[in-house]
Amino acid sequence: MSTQTNIASAAIHVVGQYNDAGKTLVGAYRTGVQRLLGGAASRYSEFLGNRQIPLVSEQIKANLIGAQEKVHGFLANRLDIDTSRIVNVMDRVAAGTTSGIETVANRVAQIESPAATTVFNALSAVNQPFATVSVQIADRIVAGTKQIEARVSGAEEAAASVRTVKAKVAAAKKPVRRAARKAA
């Protein structure tokens, strides 16, 4: 029965890791879009503020910048609301999946038939390596999403380690002179 518990706990771990990876990607998306909106807003304000545009008074510029700030606020608010909803859905799916895995594991543990126990133990022994690999893959996916999040947030210098590779320079070959062929 302990092998079945190991497979169930591995499955629950994988679901949790994928949920974390998804939430990390949603967070990276939110950060990236917020940076994009902020950059666009500052460039727009700078463009209007630094230019003398014919037939556009300072009042019109101020109104345009105010309208742009309202649009920016609306988009940022919608972004927060929508990404929060996505995270909530992901949490509900993960909780439902985890509950289902636990229910199946509990039902299997309640079976007392020696034949069924032998079959379950054999299937568990065959599937245990796959469960272990799945856990390792899920852990690597989470680590990768953390790197993506760090890069999007602008902290890629701290997160990335750069490796320099020195290449050997091949010696230049001397050109070979070929005798001109005589026309026949």
N, C-alpha and C. Protein backbone atom coordinates (compact mmCIF):
# COMPACT_ATOMS: atom_id res chain seq x y z
N MET A 1 0.81 -1.19 0.00
CA MET A 1 0.00 0.00 0.00
C MET A 1 0.86 1.27 0.00
N SER A 2 2.11 1.17 0.49
CA SER A 2 2.94 2.36 0.56
C SER A 2 3.33 2.84 -0.83
N THR A 3 3.46 1.93 -1.79
CA THR A 3 3.77 2.34 -3.15
C THR A 3 2.62 3.14 -3.73
N GLN A 4 1.39 2.73 -3.44
CA GLN A 4 0.23 3.47 -3.91
C GLN A 4 0.20 4.87 -3.30
N THR A 5 0.57 4.95 -2.03
CA THR A 5 0.63 6.24 -1.36
C THR A 5 1.70 7.11 -2.01
N ASN A 6 2.84 6.50 -2.36
CA ASN A 6 3.90 7.27 -3.02
C ASN A 6 3.45 7.81 -4.36
N ILE A 7 2.73 6.99 -5.11
CA ILE A 7 2.25 7.45 -6.42
C ILE A 7 1.20 8.54 -6.24
N ALA A 8 0.32 8.38 -5.29
CA ALA A 8 -0.69 9.41 -5.03
C ALA A 8 -0.03 10.71 -4.58
N SER A 9 0.95 10.61 -3.69
CA SER A 9 1.61 11.84 -3.22
C SER A 9 2.42 12.47 -4.35
N ALA A 10 3.00 11.64 -5.24
CA ALA A 10 3.72 12.18 -6.40
C ALA A 10 2.75 12.90 -7.33
N ALA A 11 1.58 12.31 -7.54
CA ALA A 11 0.59 12.95 -8.40
C ALA A 11 0.11 14.27 -7.80
N ILE A 12 -0.11 14.28 -6.50
CA ILE A 12 -0.53 15.52 -5.84
C ILE A 12 0.57 16.57 -5.93
N HIS A 13 1.81 16.14 -5.76
CA HIS A 13 2.94 17.07 -5.88
C HIS A 13 3.02 17.66 -7.29
N VAL A 14 2.84 16.81 -8.30
CA VAL A 14 2.90 17.28 -9.68
C VAL A 14 1.79 18.29 -9.95
N VAL A 15 0.59 18.01 -9.48
CA VAL A 15 -0.53 18.95 -9.66
C VAL A 15 -0.21 20.28 -8.99
N GLY A 16 0.33 20.22 -7.79
CA GLY A 16 0.70 21.44 -7.08
C GLY A 16 1.79 22.22 -7.81
N GLN A 17 2.77 21.51 -8.35
CA GLN A 17 3.86 22.18 -9.06
C GLN A 17 3.35 22.83 -10.34
N TYR A 18 2.50 22.13 -11.07
CA TYR A 18 1.95 22.72 -12.30
C TYR A 18 1.06 23.92 -11.98
N ASN A 19 0.35 23.85 -10.87
CA ASN A 19 -0.46 24.99 -10.45
C ASN A 19 0.45 26.18 -10.12
N ASP A 20 1.53 25.92 -9.40
CA ASP A 20 2.49 26.98 -9.08
C ASP A 20 3.12 27.55 -10.35
N ALA A 21 3.46 26.67 -11.29
CA ALA A 21 4.06 27.13 -12.55
C ALA A 21 3.08 28.01 -13.32
N GLY A 22 1.84 27.59 -13.36
CA GLY A 22 0.82 28.39 -14.06
C GLY A 22 0.64 29.75 -13.41
N LYS A 23 0.60 29.77 -12.08
CA LYS A 23 0.44 31.04 -11.38
C LYS A 23 1.66 31.93 -11.57
N THR A 24 2.82 31.33 -11.64
CA THR A 24 4.04 32.10 -11.89
C THR A 24 4.01 32.72 -13.28
N LEU A 25 3.56 31.94 -14.26
CA LEU A 25 3.46 32.48 -15.62
C LEU A 25 2.41 33.60 -15.71
N VAL A 26 1.31 33.44 -15.01
CA VAL A 26 0.29 34.50 -14.98
C VAL A 26 0.87 35.75 -14.33
N GLY A 27 1.63 35.57 -13.26
CA GLY A 27 2.28 36.71 -12.61
C GLY A 27 3.29 37.39 -13.53
N ALA A 28 4.04 36.59 -14.27
CA ALA A 28 5.00 37.16 -15.22
C ALA A 28 4.28 37.91 -16.32
N TYR A 29 3.16 37.36 -16.78
CA TYR A 29 2.35 38.04 -17.79
C TYR A 29 1.85 39.38 -17.26
N ARG A 30 1.34 39.35 -16.04
CA ARG A 30 0.83 40.58 -15.42
C ARG A 30 1.94 41.63 -15.31
N THR A 31 3.10 41.21 -14.86
CA THR A 31 4.23 42.13 -14.72
C THR A 31 4.66 42.69 -16.07
N GLY A 32 4.72 41.83 -17.07
CA GLY A 32 5.12 42.28 -18.40
C GLY A 32 4.14 43.27 -19.00
N VAL A 33 2.86 43.00 -18.86
CA VAL A 33 1.85 43.91 -19.40
C VAL A 33 1.86 45.23 -18.63
N GLN A 34 2.05 45.17 -17.32
CA GLN A 34 2.13 46.40 -16.54
C GLN A 34 3.33 47.24 -16.96
N ARG A 35 4.47 46.58 -17.22
CA ARG A 35 5.64 47.31 -17.70
C ARG A 35 5.37 47.92 -19.07
N LEU A 36 4.70 47.17 -19.92
CA LEU A 36 4.37 47.67 -21.25
C LEU A 36 3.44 48.88 -21.16
N LEU A 37 2.41 48.79 -20.35
CA LEU A 37 1.48 49.90 -20.19
C LEU A 37 2.17 51.13 -19.59
N GLY A 38 3.00 50.90 -18.59
CA GLY A 38 3.71 52.01 -17.97
C GLY A 38 4.67 52.68 -18.93
N GLY A 39 5.37 51.89 -19.73
CA GLY A 39 6.29 52.46 -20.71
C GLY A 39 5.56 53.25 -21.78
N ALA A 40 4.45 52.71 -22.26
CA ALA A 40 3.67 53.41 -23.27
C ALA A 40 3.12 54.72 -22.71
N ALA A 41 2.65 54.68 -21.48
CA ALA A 41 2.09 55.89 -20.87
C ALA A 41 3.17 56.96 -20.71
N SER A 42 4.34 56.56 -20.25
CA SER A 42 5.39 57.57 -20.05
C SER A 42 5.89 58.13 -21.38
N ARG A 43 6.01 57.29 -22.40
CA ARG A 43 6.44 57.78 -23.72
C ARG A 43 5.40 58.71 -24.32
N TYR A 44 4.13 58.40 -24.15
CA TYR A 44 3.06 59.25 -24.67
C TYR A 44 3.08 60.61 -23.99
N SER A 45 3.18 60.59 -22.65
CA SER A 45 3.21 61.85 -21.90
C SER A 45 4.44 62.66 -22.27
N GLU A 46 5.58 62.01 -22.40
CA GLU A 46 6.82 62.70 -22.77
C GLU A 46 6.72 63.28 -24.17
N PHE A 47 6.13 62.52 -25.09
CA PHE A 47 5.98 62.98 -26.47
C PHE A 47 5.14 64.25 -26.52
N LEU A 48 4.00 64.21 -25.85
CA LEU A 48 3.12 65.38 -25.87
C LEU A 48 3.71 66.56 -25.10
N GLY A 49 4.39 66.28 -24.01
CA GLY A 49 4.92 67.36 -23.19
C GLY A 49 6.10 68.09 -23.81
N ASN A 50 6.90 67.38 -24.59
CA ASN A 50 8.12 67.97 -25.13
C ASN A 50 7.97 68.56 -26.52
N ARG A 51 6.85 68.44 -27.13
CA ARG A 51 6.70 68.88 -28.51
C ARG A 51 5.76 70.09 -28.60
N GLN A 52 6.06 70.90 -29.55
CA GLN A 52 5.15 71.99 -29.90
C GLN A 52 4.37 71.54 -31.12
N ILE A 53 3.13 71.19 -30.92
CA ILE A 53 2.31 70.69 -32.01
C ILE A 53 1.39 71.83 -32.45
N PRO A 54 1.37 72.11 -33.77
CA PRO A 54 0.51 73.20 -34.25
C PRO A 54 -0.96 72.93 -33.94
N LEU A 55 -1.66 73.94 -33.59
CA LEU A 55 -3.10 73.92 -33.31
C LEU A 55 -3.47 73.11 -32.06
N VAL A 56 -2.48 72.74 -31.25
CA VAL A 56 -2.75 72.01 -30.02
C VAL A 56 -2.25 72.85 -28.85
N SER A 57 -3.18 73.30 -28.04
CA SER A 57 -2.82 74.15 -26.91
C SER A 57 -2.38 73.28 -25.72
N GLU A 58 -1.90 73.93 -24.69
CA GLU A 58 -1.49 73.22 -23.48
C GLU A 58 -2.68 72.54 -22.80
N GLN A 59 -3.84 73.17 -22.90
CA GLN A 59 -5.05 72.57 -22.32
C GLN A 59 -5.40 71.27 -23.03
N ILE A 60 -5.30 71.27 -24.34
CA ILE A 60 -5.61 70.04 -25.11
C ILE A 60 -4.59 68.96 -24.79
N LYS A 61 -3.32 69.35 -24.65
CA LYS A 61 -2.29 68.37 -24.27
C LYS A 61 -2.62 67.77 -22.91
N ALA A 62 -2.99 68.61 -21.97
CA ALA A 62 -3.33 68.13 -20.63
C ALA A 62 -4.53 67.20 -20.68
N ASN A 63 -5.53 67.53 -21.51
CA ASN A 63 -6.70 66.67 -21.66
C ASN A 63 -6.31 65.33 -22.28
N LEU A 64 -5.44 65.35 -23.28
CA LEU A 64 -4.98 64.10 -23.92
C LEU A 64 -4.21 63.22 -22.94
N ILE A 65 -3.34 63.85 -22.15
CA ILE A 65 -2.58 63.09 -21.16
C ILE A 65 -3.52 62.53 -20.09
N GLY A 66 -4.52 63.32 -19.67
CA GLY A 66 -5.51 62.84 -18.70
C GLY A 66 -6.32 61.67 -19.23
N ALA A 67 -6.72 61.76 -20.50
CA ALA A 67 -7.47 60.66 -21.12
C ALA A 67 -6.60 59.41 -21.20
N GLN A 68 -5.35 59.61 -21.54
CA GLN A 68 -4.43 58.47 -21.63
C GLN A 68 -4.25 57.83 -20.26
N GLU A 69 -4.17 58.62 -19.20
CA GLU A 69 -4.03 58.08 -17.85
C GLU A 69 -5.28 57.30 -17.43
N LYS A 70 -6.45 57.76 -17.85
CA LYS A 70 -7.69 57.02 -17.55
C LYS A 70 -7.70 55.69 -18.27
N VAL A 71 -7.28 55.68 -19.54
CA VAL A 71 -7.22 54.42 -20.29
C VAL A 71 -6.21 53.48 -19.64
N HIS A 72 -5.06 54.02 -19.25
CA HIS A 72 -4.03 53.20 -18.59
C HIS A 72 -4.58 52.60 -17.30
N GLY A 73 -5.27 53.41 -16.50
CA GLY A 73 -5.86 52.92 -15.25
C GLY A 73 -6.89 51.83 -15.49
N PHE A 74 -7.73 52.05 -16.51
CA PHE A 74 -8.74 51.05 -16.84
C PHE A 74 -8.09 49.74 -17.25
N LEU A 75 -7.10 49.81 -18.14
CA LEU A 75 -6.44 48.59 -18.62
C LEU A 75 -5.69 47.88 -17.49
N ALA A 76 -5.04 48.64 -16.63
CA ALA A 76 -4.33 48.03 -15.50
C ALA A 76 -5.31 47.35 -14.54
N ASN A 77 -6.44 47.99 -14.30
CA ASN A 77 -7.47 47.41 -13.43
C ASN A 77 -8.02 46.12 -14.04
N ARG A 78 -8.33 46.14 -15.33
CA ARG A 78 -8.85 44.94 -16.00
C ARG A 78 -7.82 43.82 -15.98
N LEU A 79 -6.56 44.18 -16.15
CA LEU A 79 -5.49 43.19 -16.10
C LEU A 79 -5.46 42.51 -14.74
N ASP A 80 -5.53 43.29 -13.67
CA ASP A 80 -5.51 42.72 -12.33
C ASP A 80 -6.73 41.83 -12.08
N ILE A 81 -7.89 42.29 -12.49
CA ILE A 81 -9.12 41.51 -12.29
C ILE A 81 -9.06 40.19 -13.07
N ASP A 82 -8.68 40.29 -14.34
CA ASP A 82 -8.67 39.08 -15.19
C ASP A 82 -7.63 38.07 -14.75
N THR A 83 -6.43 38.53 -14.39
CA THR A 83 -5.41 37.59 -13.95
C THR A 83 -5.77 36.98 -12.59
N SER A 84 -6.43 37.74 -11.75
CA SER A 84 -6.89 37.19 -10.47
C SER A 84 -7.93 36.09 -10.70
N ARG A 85 -8.80 36.31 -11.65
CA ARG A 85 -9.80 35.27 -11.97
C ARG A 85 -9.13 34.01 -12.52
N ILE A 86 -8.13 34.20 -13.35
CA ILE A 86 -7.42 33.05 -13.91
C ILE A 86 -6.76 32.25 -12.79
N VAL A 87 -6.12 32.95 -11.86
CA VAL A 87 -5.46 32.28 -10.73
C VAL A 87 -6.49 31.54 -9.89
N ASN A 88 -7.66 32.14 -9.66
CA ASN A 88 -8.72 31.47 -8.90
C ASN A 88 -9.19 30.20 -9.59
N VAL A 89 -9.35 30.26 -10.90
CA VAL A 89 -9.77 29.07 -11.65
C VAL A 89 -8.70 27.99 -11.55
N MET A 90 -7.46 28.38 -11.68
CA MET A 90 -6.36 27.41 -11.58
C MET A 90 -6.34 26.76 -10.20
N ASP A 91 -6.56 27.54 -9.16
CA ASP A 91 -6.59 26.99 -7.80
C ASP A 91 -7.75 26.01 -7.62
N ARG A 92 -8.91 26.36 -8.18
CA ARG A 92 -10.07 25.46 -8.07
C ARG A 92 -9.82 24.16 -8.82
N VAL A 93 -9.23 24.24 -9.99
CA VAL A 93 -8.93 23.02 -10.76
C VAL A 93 -7.93 22.16 -10.01
N ALA A 94 -6.90 22.78 -9.47
CA ALA A 94 -5.89 22.03 -8.72
C ALA A 94 -6.49 21.38 -7.47
N ALA A 95 -7.35 22.12 -6.77
CA ALA A 95 -7.98 21.56 -5.57
C ALA A 95 -8.89 20.39 -5.93
N GLY A 96 -9.65 20.53 -7.01
CA GLY A 96 -10.52 19.43 -7.45
C GLY A 96 -9.73 18.22 -7.88
N THR A 97 -8.64 18.44 -8.59
CA THR A 97 -7.80 17.33 -9.03
C THR A 97 -7.16 16.64 -7.84
N THR A 98 -6.64 17.41 -6.91
CA THR A 98 -6.02 16.84 -5.71
C THR A 98 -7.04 16.05 -4.91
N SER A 99 -8.23 16.59 -4.78
CA SER A 99 -9.30 15.87 -4.06
C SER A 99 -9.63 14.55 -4.74
N GLY A 100 -9.69 14.57 -6.07
CA GLY A 100 -9.96 13.34 -6.80
C GLY A 100 -8.87 12.29 -6.62
N ILE A 101 -7.63 12.73 -6.64
CA ILE A 101 -6.51 11.79 -6.44
C ILE A 101 -6.57 11.19 -5.04
N GLU A 102 -6.84 12.03 -4.04
CA GLU A 102 -6.94 11.53 -2.67
C GLU A 102 -8.10 10.56 -2.50
N THR A 103 -9.23 10.85 -3.15
CA THR A 103 -10.39 9.96 -3.07
C THR A 103 -10.08 8.60 -3.66
N VAL A 104 -9.45 8.59 -4.85
CA VAL A 104 -9.10 7.32 -5.48
C VAL A 104 -8.09 6.56 -4.63
N ALA A 105 -7.09 7.25 -4.08
CA ALA A 105 -6.09 6.58 -3.23
C ALA A 105 -6.74 5.99 -1.99
N ASN A 106 -7.70 6.70 -1.40
CA ASN A 106 -8.39 6.16 -0.22
C ASN A 106 -9.24 4.95 -0.57
N ARG A 107 -9.90 4.99 -1.73
CA ARG A 107 -10.72 3.84 -2.15
C ARG A 107 -9.85 2.62 -2.40
N VAL A 108 -8.71 2.84 -3.03
CA VAL A 108 -7.80 1.71 -3.30
C VAL A 108 -7.28 1.15 -1.98
N ALA A 109 -7.01 2.00 -1.02
CA ALA A 109 -6.50 1.54 0.28
C ALA A 109 -7.54 0.72 1.04
N GLN A 110 -8.82 0.91 0.75
CA GLN A 110 -9.88 0.20 1.45
C GLN A 110 -10.11 -1.21 0.90
N ILE A 111 -9.58 -1.48 -0.27
CA ILE A 111 -9.78 -2.81 -0.86
C ILE A 111 -8.94 -3.82 -0.10
N GLU A 112 -9.60 -4.90 0.31
CA GLU A 112 -8.93 -5.90 1.14
C GLU A 112 -8.72 -7.23 0.43
N SER A 113 -9.09 -7.33 -0.81
CA SER A 113 -8.93 -8.57 -1.55
C SER A 113 -7.44 -8.82 -1.83
N PRO A 114 -6.95 -10.02 -1.52
CA PRO A 114 -5.53 -10.31 -1.77
C PRO A 114 -5.17 -10.24 -3.26
N ALA A 115 -6.08 -10.67 -4.11
CA ALA A 115 -5.80 -10.63 -5.55
C ALA A 115 -5.72 -9.18 -6.05
N ALA A 116 -6.65 -8.38 -5.61
CA ALA A 116 -6.64 -6.97 -6.02
C ALA A 116 -5.41 -6.26 -5.47
N THR A 117 -5.04 -6.56 -4.25
CA THR A 117 -3.86 -5.95 -3.65
C THR A 117 -2.61 -6.33 -4.44
N THR A 118 -2.52 -7.57 -4.88
CA THR A 118 -1.37 -8.01 -5.67
C THR A 118 -1.32 -7.26 -7.00
N VAL A 119 -2.47 -7.11 -7.64
CA VAL A 119 -2.53 -6.38 -8.91
C VAL A 119 -2.16 -4.92 -8.71
N PHE A 120 -2.71 -4.28 -7.67
CA PHE A 120 -2.39 -2.88 -7.40
C PHE A 120 -0.90 -2.69 -7.10
N ASN A 121 -0.33 -3.60 -6.34
CA ASN A 121 1.09 -3.50 -6.02
C ASN A 121 1.95 -3.67 -7.28
N ALA A 122 1.55 -4.58 -8.16
CA ALA A 122 2.30 -4.77 -9.40
C ALA A 122 2.20 -3.54 -10.29
N LEU A 123 0.99 -3.00 -10.44
CA LEU A 123 0.82 -1.78 -11.24
C LEU A 123 1.58 -0.60 -10.63
N SER A 124 1.56 -0.52 -9.32
CA SER A 124 2.28 0.57 -8.65
C SER A 124 3.78 0.45 -8.86
N ALA A 125 4.30 -0.77 -8.79
CA ALA A 125 5.73 -0.98 -9.00
C ALA A 125 6.15 -0.59 -10.42
N VAL A 126 5.28 -0.86 -11.39
CA VAL A 126 5.58 -0.50 -12.77
C VAL A 126 5.51 1.01 -12.96
N ASN A 127 4.56 1.66 -12.32
CA ASN A 127 4.34 3.10 -12.53
C ASN A 127 5.16 4.00 -11.62
N GLN A 128 5.81 3.46 -10.60
CA GLN A 128 6.59 4.30 -9.69
C GLN A 128 7.71 5.06 -10.39
N PRO A 129 8.46 4.46 -11.33
CA PRO A 129 9.50 5.25 -12.03
C PRO A 129 8.90 6.41 -12.83
N PHE A 130 7.73 6.20 -13.42
CA PHE A 130 7.08 7.28 -14.17
C PHE A 130 6.66 8.41 -13.22
N ALA A 131 6.19 8.04 -12.05
CA ALA A 131 5.80 9.05 -11.06
C ALA A 131 7.01 9.85 -10.62
N THR A 132 8.13 9.19 -10.43
CA THR A 132 9.36 9.88 -10.02
C THR A 132 9.83 10.85 -11.10
N VAL A 133 9.79 10.41 -12.35
CA VAL A 133 10.18 11.27 -13.46
C VAL A 133 9.21 12.44 -13.60
N SER A 134 7.94 12.20 -13.40
CA SER A 134 6.95 13.28 -13.47
C SER A 134 7.21 14.34 -12.41
N VAL A 135 7.59 13.92 -11.22
CA VAL A 135 7.92 14.87 -10.16
C VAL A 135 9.14 15.70 -10.55
N GLN A 136 10.16 15.05 -11.11
CA GLN A 136 11.36 15.77 -11.52
C GLN A 136 11.06 16.77 -12.64
N ILE A 137 10.24 16.37 -13.59
CA ILE A 137 9.86 17.27 -14.68
C ILE A 137 9.08 18.47 -14.14
N ALA A 138 8.14 18.20 -13.25
CA ALA A 138 7.35 19.29 -12.67
C ALA A 138 8.24 20.27 -11.90
N ASP A 139 9.22 19.75 -11.18
CA ASP A 139 10.13 20.63 -10.45
C ASP A 139 10.96 21.49 -11.40
N ARG A 140 11.39 20.91 -12.51
CA ARG A 140 12.16 21.68 -13.49
C ARG A 140 11.30 22.73 -14.18
N ILE A 141 10.04 22.40 -14.43
CA ILE A 141 9.14 23.38 -15.05
C ILE A 141 8.94 24.56 -14.12
N VAL A 142 8.77 24.31 -12.84
CA VAL A 142 8.60 25.41 -11.89
C VAL A 142 9.87 26.26 -11.84
N ALA A 143 11.03 25.63 -11.85
CA ALA A 143 12.28 26.39 -11.85
C ALA A 143 12.39 27.25 -13.11
N GLY A 144 11.97 26.71 -14.25
CA GLY A 144 11.99 27.48 -15.50
C GLY A 144 11.04 28.66 -15.47
N THR A 145 9.87 28.45 -14.91
CA THR A 145 8.92 29.57 -14.84
C THR A 145 9.41 30.65 -13.89
N LYS A 146 10.12 30.25 -12.84
CA LYS A 146 10.70 31.26 -11.94
C LYS A 146 11.74 32.10 -12.68
N GLN A 147 12.51 31.47 -13.57
CA GLN A 147 13.48 32.21 -14.36
C GLN A 147 12.78 33.17 -15.33
N ILE A 148 11.70 32.72 -15.92
CA ILE A 148 10.92 33.58 -16.82
C ILE A 148 10.38 34.78 -16.05
N GLU A 149 9.85 34.52 -14.87
CA GLU A 149 9.30 35.60 -14.05
C GLU A 149 10.39 36.60 -13.68
N ALA A 150 11.57 36.11 -13.33
CA ALA A 150 12.67 37.01 -12.99
C ALA A 150 13.10 37.84 -14.19
N ARG A 151 13.10 37.23 -15.35
CA ARG A 151 13.50 37.96 -16.55
C ARG A 151 12.48 39.03 -16.92
N VAL A 152 11.22 38.70 -16.83
CA VAL A 152 10.17 39.66 -17.17
C VAL A 152 10.15 40.82 -16.17
N SER A 153 10.41 40.52 -14.91
CA SER A 153 10.38 41.58 -13.90
C SER A 153 11.60 42.48 -13.97
N GLY A 154 12.58 42.11 -14.79
CA GLY A 154 13.76 42.95 -14.95
C GLY A 154 14.90 42.55 -14.04
N ALA A 155 14.78 41.46 -13.36
CA ALA A 155 15.84 41.01 -12.46
C ALA A 155 16.67 39.89 -13.09
N GLU A 156 16.74 39.87 -14.41
CA GLU A 156 17.44 38.77 -15.06
C GLU A 156 18.94 38.80 -14.80
N GLU A 157 19.49 39.98 -14.45
CA GLU A 157 20.92 40.04 -14.16
C GLU A 157 21.23 39.22 -12.92
N ALA A 158 20.34 39.29 -11.94
CA ALA A 158 20.57 38.56 -10.70
C ALA A 158 20.26 37.08 -10.86
N ALA A 159 19.32 36.76 -11.74
CA ALA A 159 18.88 35.37 -11.86
C ALA A 159 19.73 34.57 -12.84
N ALA A 160 20.29 35.23 -13.83
CA ALA A 160 21.01 34.50 -14.88
C ALA A 160 22.51 34.53 -14.61
N SER A 161 23.10 33.40 -14.78
CA SER A 161 24.56 33.34 -14.68
C SER A 161 25.10 33.20 -16.09
N VAL A 162 26.06 34.03 -16.41
CA VAL A 162 26.59 34.05 -17.77
C VAL A 162 27.89 33.26 -17.78
N ARG A 163 28.02 32.41 -18.76
CA ARG A 163 29.21 31.60 -18.89
C ARG A 163 29.96 32.04 -20.14
N THR A 164 31.23 32.36 -20.00
CA THR A 164 32.02 32.76 -21.16
C THR A 164 32.76 31.55 -21.70
N VAL A 165 32.74 31.45 -22.99
CA VAL A 165 33.39 30.34 -23.65
C VAL A 165 34.49 30.91 -24.53
N LYS A 166 35.70 30.38 -24.37
CA LYS A 166 36.81 30.82 -25.20
C LYS A 166 36.97 29.84 -26.35
N ALA A 167 36.98 30.39 -27.54
CA ALA A 167 37.13 29.55 -28.72
C ALA A 167 38.56 29.63 -29.21
N LYS A 168 39.06 28.53 -29.72
CA LYS A 168 40.40 28.51 -30.29
C LYS A 168 40.33 29.07 -31.69
N VAL A 169 41.30 29.88 -32.00
CA VAL A 169 41.36 30.47 -33.33
C VAL A 169 42.20 29.56 -34.19
N ALA A 170 41.62 29.16 -35.31
CA ALA A 170 42.36 28.28 -36.23
C ALA A 170 43.39 29.10 -36.98
N ALA A 171 44.54 28.49 -37.24
CA ALA A 171 45.59 29.18 -37.98
C ALA A 171 45.13 29.39 -39.42
N ALA A 172 45.43 30.57 -39.93
CA ALA A 172 45.03 30.88 -41.30
C ALA A 172 45.91 30.12 -42.27
N LYS A 173 45.29 29.59 -43.29
CA LYS A 173 46.04 28.85 -44.31
C LYS A 173 46.54 29.83 -45.36
N LYS A 174 47.73 29.53 -45.84
CA LYS A 174 48.28 30.37 -46.89
C LYS A 174 47.56 30.04 -48.18
N PRO A 175 47.30 31.07 -48.98
CA PRO A 175 46.65 30.78 -50.26
C PRO A 175 47.60 30.02 -51.17
N VAL A 176 47.03 29.11 -51.92
CA VAL A 176 47.82 28.29 -52.83
C VAL A 176 47.74 28.92 -54.21
N ARG A 177 48.93 29.11 -54.78
CA ARG A 177 48.96 29.65 -56.15
C ARG A 177 48.87 28.50 -57.11
N ARG A 178 48.01 28.67 -58.02
CA ARG A 178 47.87 27.64 -59.02
C ARG A 178 48.33 28.22 -60.34
N ALA A 179 49.01 27.41 -61.01
CA ALA A 179 49.53 27.85 -62.31
C ALA A 179 48.37 28.01 -63.28
N ALA A 180 48.42 29.08 -64.00
CA ALA A 180 47.35 29.33 -64.97
C ALA A 180 47.43 28.29 -66.06
N ARG A 181 46.32 27.78 -66.42
CA ARG A 181 46.28 26.77 -67.50
C ARG A 181 46.46 27.46 -68.84
N LYS A 182 47.19 26.78 -69.63
CA LYS A 182 47.37 27.31 -70.99
C LYS A 182 46.18 26.91 -71.81
N ALA A 183 45.71 27.85 -72.56
CA ALA A 183 44.55 27.57 -73.43
C ALA A 183 45.01 26.65 -74.53
N ALA A 184 44.29 25.64 -74.78
CA ALA A 184 44.68 24.67 -75.80
C ALA A 184 44.12 24.99 -77.14
